[in-house]
Protein backbone atom coordinates (compact mmCIF):
# COMPACT_ATOMS: atom_id res chain seq x y z
CA MET A 1 0.00 0.00 0.00
CA ASN A 2 2.75 2.34 0.87
CA TYR A 3 4.45 1.31 -2.28
CA GLU A 4 1.47 2.27 -4.40
CA ARG A 5 1.29 5.73 -2.82
CA LYS A 6 4.93 6.30 -3.53
CA VAL A 7 4.40 5.36 -7.11
CA ASP A 8 1.47 7.76 -7.39
CA VAL A 9 3.55 10.56 -5.90
CA MET A 10 6.36 9.87 -8.30
CA ASP A 11 3.98 9.94 -11.25
CA SER A 12 2.50 13.20 -10.02
CA LEU A 13 5.93 14.75 -9.76
CA ALA A 14 6.89 13.50 -13.18
CA GLY A 15 3.70 15.00 -14.72
CA THR A 16 4.35 18.32 -13.04
CA GLN A 17 7.87 18.41 -14.39
CA SER A 18 6.75 17.60 -17.90
CA PHE A 19 4.11 20.36 -17.67
CA TYR A 20 6.74 22.92 -16.74
CA GLU A 21 9.03 21.73 -19.49
CA GLU A 22 6.21 22.03 -22.04
CA THR A 23 5.39 25.55 -20.74
CA ASP A 24 9.02 26.65 -21.02
CA GLY A 25 9.16 25.35 -24.58
CA ARG A 26 6.13 27.36 -25.59
CA ARG A 27 7.63 30.51 -24.05
CA ASN A 28 10.90 29.99 -25.87
CA ARG A 29 9.04 29.52 -29.15
CA THR A 30 7.03 32.67 -28.50
CA ARG A 31 10.16 34.64 -27.77
CA LEU A 32 11.77 33.32 -30.91
CA ILE A 33 8.77 34.29 -33.02
CA VAL A 34 8.70 37.79 -31.49
CA ALA A 35 12.42 38.19 -32.16
CA LEU A 36 11.97 37.08 -35.76
CA VAL A 37 9.08 39.49 -36.24
CA LEU A 38 11.13 42.35 -34.82
CA ILE A 39 14.05 41.48 -37.06
CA ALA A 40 11.73 41.37 -40.06
CA LEU A 41 10.26 44.75 -39.16
CA ALA A 42 13.74 46.22 -38.77
CA LEU A 43 14.75 44.84 -42.14
CA ALA A 44 11.59 46.19 -43.72
CA ALA A 45 12.18 49.61 -42.19
CA THR A 46 15.77 49.60 -43.44
CA TRP A 47 14.67 48.63 -46.92
CA TYR A 48 11.97 51.32 -46.92
CA ALA A 49 14.44 53.96 -45.81
CA PHE A 50 16.91 52.90 -48.47
CA SER A 51 14.20 52.87 -51.11
CA SER A 52 13.00 56.31 -49.99
CA SER A 53 16.51 57.73 -50.20
CA LYS A 54 16.93 56.36 -53.70
CA GLY A 55 13.53 57.58 -54.70
CA GLY A 56 14.37 60.97 -53.18
CA ALA A 57 17.33 61.28 -55.54
CA ALA A 58 14.97 60.77 -58.45
CA GLY A 59 11.64 62.08 -57.24
CA GLY A 60 12.53 63.92 -54.02
CA GLU A 61 13.25 67.05 -55.93
CA GLY A 62 9.75 67.00 -57.27
CA ALA A 63 8.29 66.55 -53.81
CA ALA A 64 10.48 69.28 -52.30
CA GLY A 65 9.82 71.43 -55.31
CA GLY A 66 6.11 70.97 -54.79
CA ALA A 67 6.44 72.05 -51.16
CA ASP A 68 8.63 75.04 -52.11
CA ALA A 69 6.30 75.98 -54.95
CA ALA A 70 3.45 76.11 -52.51
CA SER A 71 5.41 78.57 -50.32
CA ILE A 72 6.62 80.90 -53.12
CA PRO A 73 4.53 84.14 -52.98
CA ASN A 74 2.76 85.75 -55.92
CA ILE A 75 4.14 89.26 -56.44
CA THR A 76 2.57 91.94 -58.64
CA VAL A 77 5.05 93.46 -61.07
CA VAL A 78 4.81 96.04 -63.83
CA ILE A 79 6.82 96.52 -66.99
CA PRO A 80 6.83 100.34 -67.27
CA GLY A 81 8.22 100.80 -70.77
CA ARG A 82 9.15 104.36 -71.77
CA GLN A 83 6.87 107.33 -72.36
CA SER A 84 7.12 111.04 -72.94
CA VAL A 85 7.32 113.02 -69.71
CA GLU A 86 8.39 116.51 -68.81
CA ALA A 87 12.10 116.58 -68.09
CA THR A 88 12.47 118.25 -64.71
CA ILE A 89 15.40 119.12 -62.52
CA SER A 90 14.93 119.34 -58.76
CA THR A 91 17.15 121.70 -56.84
CA ASN A 92 17.17 123.92 -53.78
CA GLY A 93 18.66 127.21 -52.77
CA THR A 94 18.29 130.50 -50.95
CA ILE A 95 15.74 133.25 -51.49
CA ALA A 96 17.12 136.76 -52.02
CA ALA A 97 16.06 140.11 -53.41
CA ARG A 98 16.65 140.15 -57.14
CA ARG A 99 17.85 143.75 -56.97
CA GLU A 100 18.76 144.62 -53.41
CA MET A 101 19.23 148.32 -52.69
CA PRO A 102 21.30 149.29 -49.64
CA VAL A 103 20.28 152.75 -48.43
CA GLY A 104 22.59 154.90 -46.31
CA VAL A 105 23.45 158.54 -45.60
CA ALA A 106 23.89 160.55 -48.80
CA GLY A 107 24.38 163.98 -47.21
CA GLU A 108 26.25 165.37 -44.25
CA GLY A 109 24.23 163.39 -41.75
CA GLY A 110 23.17 164.45 -38.31
CA GLN A 111 20.78 163.37 -35.64
CA VAL A 112 17.79 161.21 -36.65
CA VAL A 113 14.59 162.80 -35.39
CA ARG A 114 12.09 160.39 -36.96
CA VAL A 115 12.05 156.99 -38.65
CA LEU A 116 9.07 156.73 -40.94
CA VAL A 117 9.07 153.12 -42.17
CA GLU A 118 9.35 149.59 -40.86
CA PRO A 119 10.53 146.37 -42.56
CA GLY A 120 7.82 144.91 -44.75
CA GLN A 121 6.41 148.25 -45.88
CA TRP A 122 6.18 149.35 -49.51
CA VAL A 123 7.57 152.77 -50.41
CA ASN A 124 7.68 154.97 -53.51
CA ALA A 125 10.72 156.45 -55.18
CA GLY A 126 11.94 159.51 -53.24
CA GLN A 127 9.77 158.78 -50.20
CA PRO A 128 11.53 159.76 -46.93
CA LEU A 129 12.57 156.83 -44.78
CA ALA A 130 14.12 158.81 -41.93
CA ILE A 131 14.24 162.55 -41.05
CA ILE A 132 17.52 164.19 -40.01
CA ASP A 133 17.62 167.31 -37.82
CA ARG A 134 18.31 170.39 -39.99
CA SER A 135 17.98 173.32 -37.59
CA VAL A 136 21.53 174.56 -38.25
CA GLN A 137 21.34 173.99 -41.98
CA ALA A 138 18.04 175.88 -42.15
CA GLN A 139 19.66 178.96 -40.62
CA GLN A 140 22.55 178.74 -43.03
CA ALA A 141 20.12 178.58 -45.92
CA ALA A 142 18.27 181.63 -44.59
CA SER A 143 21.55 183.53 -44.36
CA LEU A 144 22.41 182.66 -47.95
CA ALA A 145 18.94 183.72 -49.08
CA ALA A 146 19.50 187.11 -47.41
CA SER A 147 22.92 187.46 -49.11
CA ILE A 148 21.16 187.06 -52.44
CA ARG A 149 18.94 190.03 -51.65
CA VAL A 150 21.94 192.13 -50.58
CA ALA A 151 23.83 191.27 -53.77
CA GLN A 152 20.75 192.02 -55.83
CA ALA A 153 20.39 195.43 -54.19
CA ASP A 154 24.04 196.23 -54.99
CA ALA A 155 23.49 195.10 -58.56
CA ASP A 156 20.38 197.31 -58.92
CA LEU A 157 22.28 200.32 -57.56
CA ALA A 158 25.20 199.73 -59.93
CA GLN A 159 22.80 199.46 -62.85
CA ALA A 160 21.05 202.71 -61.90
CA GLU A 161 24.36 204.62 -61.65
CA LEU A 162 25.42 203.24 -65.02
CA THR A 163 22.15 204.41 -66.57
CA ARG A 164 22.52 207.96 -65.21
CA ALA A 165 26.15 208.14 -66.29
CA ALA A 166 25.23 207.11 -69.80
CA ALA A 167 22.87 210.09 -70.04
CA LEU A 168 25.69 212.50 -69.06
CA VAL A 169 28.30 211.13 -71.43
CA SER A 170 26.84 212.99 -74.42
CA ARG A 171 27.05 216.28 -72.51
CA GLY A 172 30.68 215.75 -71.65
CA PHE A 173 30.21 215.46 -67.90
CA ILE A 174 31.32 211.81 -67.69
CA SER A 175 34.41 210.48 -69.37
CA LYS A 176 34.51 207.15 -71.12
CA ALA A 177 36.87 205.86 -68.47
CA ASP A 178 34.26 206.56 -65.78
CA MET A 179 31.68 204.75 -67.88
CA ASP A 180 33.91 201.69 -68.12
CA ARG A 181 34.38 201.67 -64.33
CA LYS A 182 30.62 201.94 -63.70
CA ARG A 183 29.92 199.21 -66.22
CA ALA A 184 32.47 196.97 -64.50
CA THR A 185 30.88 197.76 -61.13
CA ARG A 186 27.47 196.78 -62.48
CA ASP A 187 28.83 193.54 -63.93
CA ALA A 188 30.59 192.63 -60.66
CA ALA A 189 27.41 193.26 -58.68
CA SER A 190 25.43 191.04 -61.05
CA ALA A 191 28.05 188.31 -60.69
CA ARG A 192 27.82 188.51 -56.90
CA VAL A 193 24.07 187.96 -57.22
CA ARG A 194 24.66 184.82 -59.21
CA VAL A 195 27.25 183.60 -56.71
CA ALA A 196 24.83 184.14 -53.83
CA GLN A 197 22.10 182.32 -55.72
CA ALA A 198 24.43 179.39 -56.42
CA GLN A 199 25.45 179.19 -52.77
CA TYR A 200 21.83 179.21 -51.71
CA ALA A 201 20.96 176.52 -54.23
CA GLU A 202 23.86 174.42 -52.95
CA ALA A 203 22.62 174.78 -49.38
CA GLN A 204 19.13 173.79 -50.47
CA ALA A 205 20.50 170.71 -52.23
CA ARG A 206 22.54 169.75 -49.19
CA ASN A 207 19.51 170.14 -46.97
CA GLY A 208 17.46 168.07 -49.38
CA ARG A 209 19.98 165.24 -49.04
CA LEU A 210 19.88 165.27 -45.26
CA ASN A 211 16.81 163.04 -45.12
CA ILE A 212 17.22 159.38 -45.97
CA VAL A 213 14.93 158.63 -48.92
CA ALA A 214 14.08 155.59 -51.05
CA PRO A 215 16.11 155.54 -54.26
CA ALA A 216 13.32 153.61 -56.04
CA ALA A 217 9.94 152.07 -55.34
CA GLY A 218 10.14 148.76 -53.54
CA LEU A 219 9.85 146.74 -50.36
CA VAL A 220 11.72 147.65 -47.17
CA LEU A 221 13.60 144.57 -45.97
CA THR A 222 15.65 145.74 -42.99
CA ARG A 223 16.03 148.81 -40.77
CA GLU A 224 19.26 149.58 -38.91
CA VAL A 225 18.58 153.06 -37.51
CA GLU A 226 16.74 154.42 -34.49
CA THR A 227 15.44 157.82 -33.44
CA GLY A 228 18.15 159.93 -31.78
CA GLN A 229 20.99 158.13 -33.52
CA ILE A 230 23.77 160.25 -35.00
CA VAL A 231 24.46 159.19 -38.56
CA GLY A 232 27.03 160.24 -41.11
CA ALA A 233 28.93 159.11 -44.15
CA GLY A 234 30.55 156.26 -42.18
CA SER A 235 27.35 154.91 -40.68
CA GLY A 236 26.98 152.18 -43.29
CA VAL A 237 23.70 150.73 -44.52
CA LEU A 238 20.65 151.97 -42.61
CA PHE A 239 17.94 150.33 -44.75
CA ARG A 240 17.84 147.50 -47.25
CA MET A 241 15.19 147.41 -49.96
CA ALA A 242 14.08 145.06 -52.72
CA ARG A 243 13.47 147.08 -55.84
CA GLY A 244 9.91 146.52 -56.98
CA GLY A 245 9.60 143.72 -54.41
CA GLU A 246 11.16 141.33 -56.94
CA MET A 247 12.71 138.18 -55.49
CA GLU A 248 14.92 135.43 -56.80
CA MET A 249 16.07 131.98 -55.80
CA MET A 250 19.80 131.31 -56.00
CA ALA A 251 20.31 127.60 -56.64
CA GLN A 252 23.58 125.70 -56.84
CA MET A 253 23.29 123.02 -59.50
CA ALA A 254 25.54 120.19 -60.62
CA GLU A 255 27.54 120.67 -63.77
CA ALA A 256 25.52 118.05 -65.68
CA ASP A 257 22.19 119.65 -64.76
CA LEU A 258 23.56 123.10 -65.54
CA GLN A 259 23.95 122.09 -69.18
CA ARG A 260 20.20 121.44 -69.43
CA VAL A 261 19.11 124.85 -68.13
CA ARG A 262 18.62 127.90 -70.31
CA VAL A 263 17.56 131.48 -69.64
CA GLY A 264 13.76 131.48 -69.69
CA THR A 265 13.38 127.92 -68.36
CA ARG A 266 10.15 127.64 -66.38
CA ALA A 267 10.41 126.84 -62.67
CA THR A 268 8.18 126.32 -59.67
CA VAL A 269 9.54 127.51 -56.33
CA ASN A 270 8.28 126.08 -53.04
CA PRO A 271 9.46 127.87 -49.86
CA VAL A 272 10.37 125.41 -47.12
CA GLY A 273 7.63 124.96 -44.53
CA THR A 274 4.81 126.11 -46.83
CA ASN A 275 2.56 124.66 -49.52
CA VAL A 276 2.94 127.77 -51.67
CA GLN A 277 3.93 127.19 -55.29
CA VAL A 278 5.36 130.32 -56.92
CA ALA A 279 5.89 130.29 -60.69
CA GLY A 280 9.11 131.83 -61.96
CA GLN A 281 11.72 131.48 -64.64
CA VAL A 282 15.48 131.35 -64.93
CA TRP A 283 16.90 134.78 -65.71
CA GLN A 284 20.59 134.04 -65.30
CA VAL A 285 22.79 130.94 -65.64
CA SER A 286 26.30 131.15 -64.27
CA PRO A 287 28.92 131.12 -67.06
CA VAL A 288 31.47 129.46 -64.73
CA VAL A 289 31.56 126.32 -62.60
CA ASN A 290 33.18 126.17 -59.18
CA PRO A 291 36.23 123.89 -59.64
CA ASP A 292 35.97 122.65 -56.04
CA THR A 293 32.28 121.74 -55.89
CA ARG A 294 31.66 121.28 -59.64
CA GLN A 295 28.52 123.37 -59.29
CA GLY A 296 27.25 126.56 -60.86
CA MET A 297 24.73 129.20 -59.88
CA VAL A 298 21.27 129.44 -61.44
CA ARG A 299 19.11 132.47 -60.59
CA ILE A 300 15.34 132.04 -60.78
CA ALA A 301 13.28 135.25 -60.86
CA VAL A 302 9.98 135.07 -58.95
CA PRO A 303 7.36 137.75 -58.24
CA TYR A 304 6.70 139.00 -54.74
CA SER A 305 4.91 136.64 -52.38
CA PRO A 306 4.54 136.94 -48.58
CA ALA A 307 5.90 133.39 -48.33
CA LEU A 308 9.19 134.42 -49.95
CA ARG A 309 11.57 135.82 -47.36
CA PRO A 310 15.12 136.76 -48.30
CA GLY A 311 17.57 134.46 -46.58
CA GLY A 312 15.03 131.63 -46.43
CA PHE A 313 15.39 128.22 -48.03
CA ALA A 314 13.28 126.88 -50.90
CA ASP A 315 12.96 123.94 -53.26
CA ALA A 316 12.54 124.37 -56.99
CA ARG A 317 11.50 122.21 -59.91
CA LEU A 318 12.70 123.31 -63.34
CA VAL A 319 11.00 122.06 -66.51
CA SER A 320 13.75 121.67 -69.09
CA GLY A 321 11.66 120.10 -71.88
CA THR A 322 10.36 116.57 -72.52
CA GLU A 323 12.10 113.22 -72.55
CA GLU A 324 11.38 109.50 -72.78
CA ALA A 325 11.53 107.81 -69.38
CA PRO A 326 9.93 104.90 -67.45
CA MET A 327 6.95 105.81 -65.26
CA LEU A 328 6.28 103.86 -62.05
CA PRO A 329 3.67 104.01 -59.28
CA GLU A 330 4.93 105.76 -56.16
CA SER A 331 4.55 102.50 -54.20
CA ALA A 332 7.27 100.89 -56.34
CA VAL A 333 9.96 103.41 -55.38
CA GLN A 334 11.64 102.97 -52.00
CA SER A 335 14.34 104.87 -50.14
CA GLY A 336 17.43 103.61 -48.38
CA PRO A 337 20.89 104.73 -47.26
CA GLU A 338 22.09 104.63 -50.86
CA GLY A 339 19.15 106.71 -52.08
CA ASN A 340 16.08 105.69 -54.06
CA PHE A 341 15.78 102.13 -55.36
CA VAL A 342 13.29 99.65 -56.80
CA LEU A 343 13.03 95.87 -56.65
CA VAL A 344 13.07 93.99 -59.96
CA VAL A 345 12.45 90.32 -60.76
CA ASP A 346 15.26 88.80 -62.84
CA ASN A 347 15.14 85.93 -65.34
CA LYS A 348 15.34 83.39 -62.50
CA ASN A 349 12.32 84.98 -60.79
CA GLN A 350 14.54 86.21 -57.98
CA ILE A 351 14.43 89.64 -56.38
CA GLN A 352 17.20 92.11 -57.24
CA ARG A 353 17.70 95.68 -56.04
CA ARG A 354 18.22 98.48 -58.56
CA VAL A 355 19.34 101.98 -57.53
CA VAL A 356 17.46 104.66 -59.50
CA LYS A 357 17.32 108.43 -59.80
CA VAL A 358 13.84 109.90 -59.51
CA GLY A 359 12.71 112.50 -62.03
CA THR A 360 9.31 114.16 -62.23
CA VAL A 361 6.71 113.27 -59.59
CA THR A 362 3.14 113.71 -60.82
CA ASP A 363 -0.32 112.40 -60.00
CA ASP A 364 0.25 109.64 -62.56
CA GLY A 365 3.38 108.35 -60.87
CA VAL A 366 7.13 108.83 -60.65
CA SER A 367 9.37 109.09 -63.70
CA ILE A 368 12.76 107.40 -63.45
CA ALA A 369 15.55 109.60 -64.76
CA SER A 370 18.19 106.86 -64.64
CA GLY A 371 18.63 103.29 -63.43
CA LEU A 372 15.94 101.55 -65.53
CA THR A 373 15.52 100.87 -69.23
CA GLY A 374 11.76 100.28 -68.97
CA ASN A 375 11.86 96.56 -69.83
CA GLU A 376 12.39 95.32 -66.28
CA ARG A 377 9.73 93.60 -64.17
CA VAL A 378 9.43 96.02 -61.26
CA VAL A 379 7.75 95.05 -57.99
CA VAL A 380 4.74 97.29 -57.42
CA LEU A 381 3.77 96.40 -53.85
CA ALA A 382 5.12 94.45 -50.86
CA GLY A 383 8.67 95.62 -51.55
CA ALA A 384 9.30 96.12 -47.85
CA PHE A 385 8.67 92.39 -47.19
CA LEU A 386 11.07 91.10 -49.82
CA ASN A 387 14.80 90.54 -49.69
CA VAL A 388 17.39 90.33 -52.42
CA GLY A 389 17.56 86.75 -53.70
CA ASP A 390 14.00 85.79 -52.67
CA LYS A 391 12.19 83.61 -55.21
CA VAL A 392 8.77 84.86 -56.28
CA LYS A 393 6.01 84.23 -58.79
CA PRO A 394 5.70 87.46 -60.79
CA VAL A 395 2.19 88.49 -61.82
CA VAL A 396 2.45 91.15 -64.52
CA GLN A 397 0.11 94.07 -64.05
CA LYS A 398 -0.91 96.23 -66.97
CA SER A 399 0.74 99.66 -66.83
CA SER A 400 -1.66 102.42 -65.83
CA GLN A 401 -0.22 104.45 -68.66
């Protein structure tokens, strides 16, 4: 009986051991299968990556190109061509009186008793600007006037004596020698009258020059004299006037621009700080060029305007004829440290910068004096968001002209 139990126990232990062995075998097989699957997946991934890299050499460019093409922006461009525009020259300079008249003391001078005008007033030719004290000169003139009367009385007396003597000559009471002396006395008395008259006239002329008067009609620009001031020949300029109120703009222009300007060229002058446009024309072109600056002077005559103040600064635009030039919208022209420039699209559809010189600016746009031929594709808008070398899709816009 005990033997049978032992046998049963041994069989039970043997079955348990075989169960564990069978379980371990299944686990090992499972692990092997998982390992094989992982190896297969790794090989498949490696093959796919290799295939993708090879395909990328052939078709990757197309895929990348498709992605890049989707990111390339559409940019509006215009081909301006060339059209007839007014050839203008922009310049600047200083406003001055076209004919400035410095007014000073013409006579002996003296103490100023009254100043009659202020800067900005219009005066006529010969109008007094300041009155000089003439109390002493008036007395001298009165004395000379009295000397004329004395000399005239002497001349009348000499003439009367000569007349009476002439009546006695025929009777033999007066010799011819006495007649000659009386005639000489009469002539000397008449000469003294003329001398006195000349002295009086001189005094009157001197007194007339005491006051400071306007040499011609015009506009008073400055006043450098006050009441009570003693003035004389060395006092310098007391008033400055612009004859007729005529003004001019003195502009320094480059040698190349100077060649395009002629006397009579129309100009528009704009004083700085104002919106006033004053029409004028060139009345003088400098015959010489400064060898240091390579510039010459151009004088533009303009009529009087309250906005024109001598010594002030102004801009001017001169119309020197017509020329063929590209015309662009104002939005296409930008400014930078190197000056004005535009962005153009080259043959590779890449952005390039082109420095230009701006000509006439009108309501229709901006003419380009130099830098463009007119056949370029110029970026109209969004120039501030583009950089040199950027690739774009140009969309040609019809020129407004």
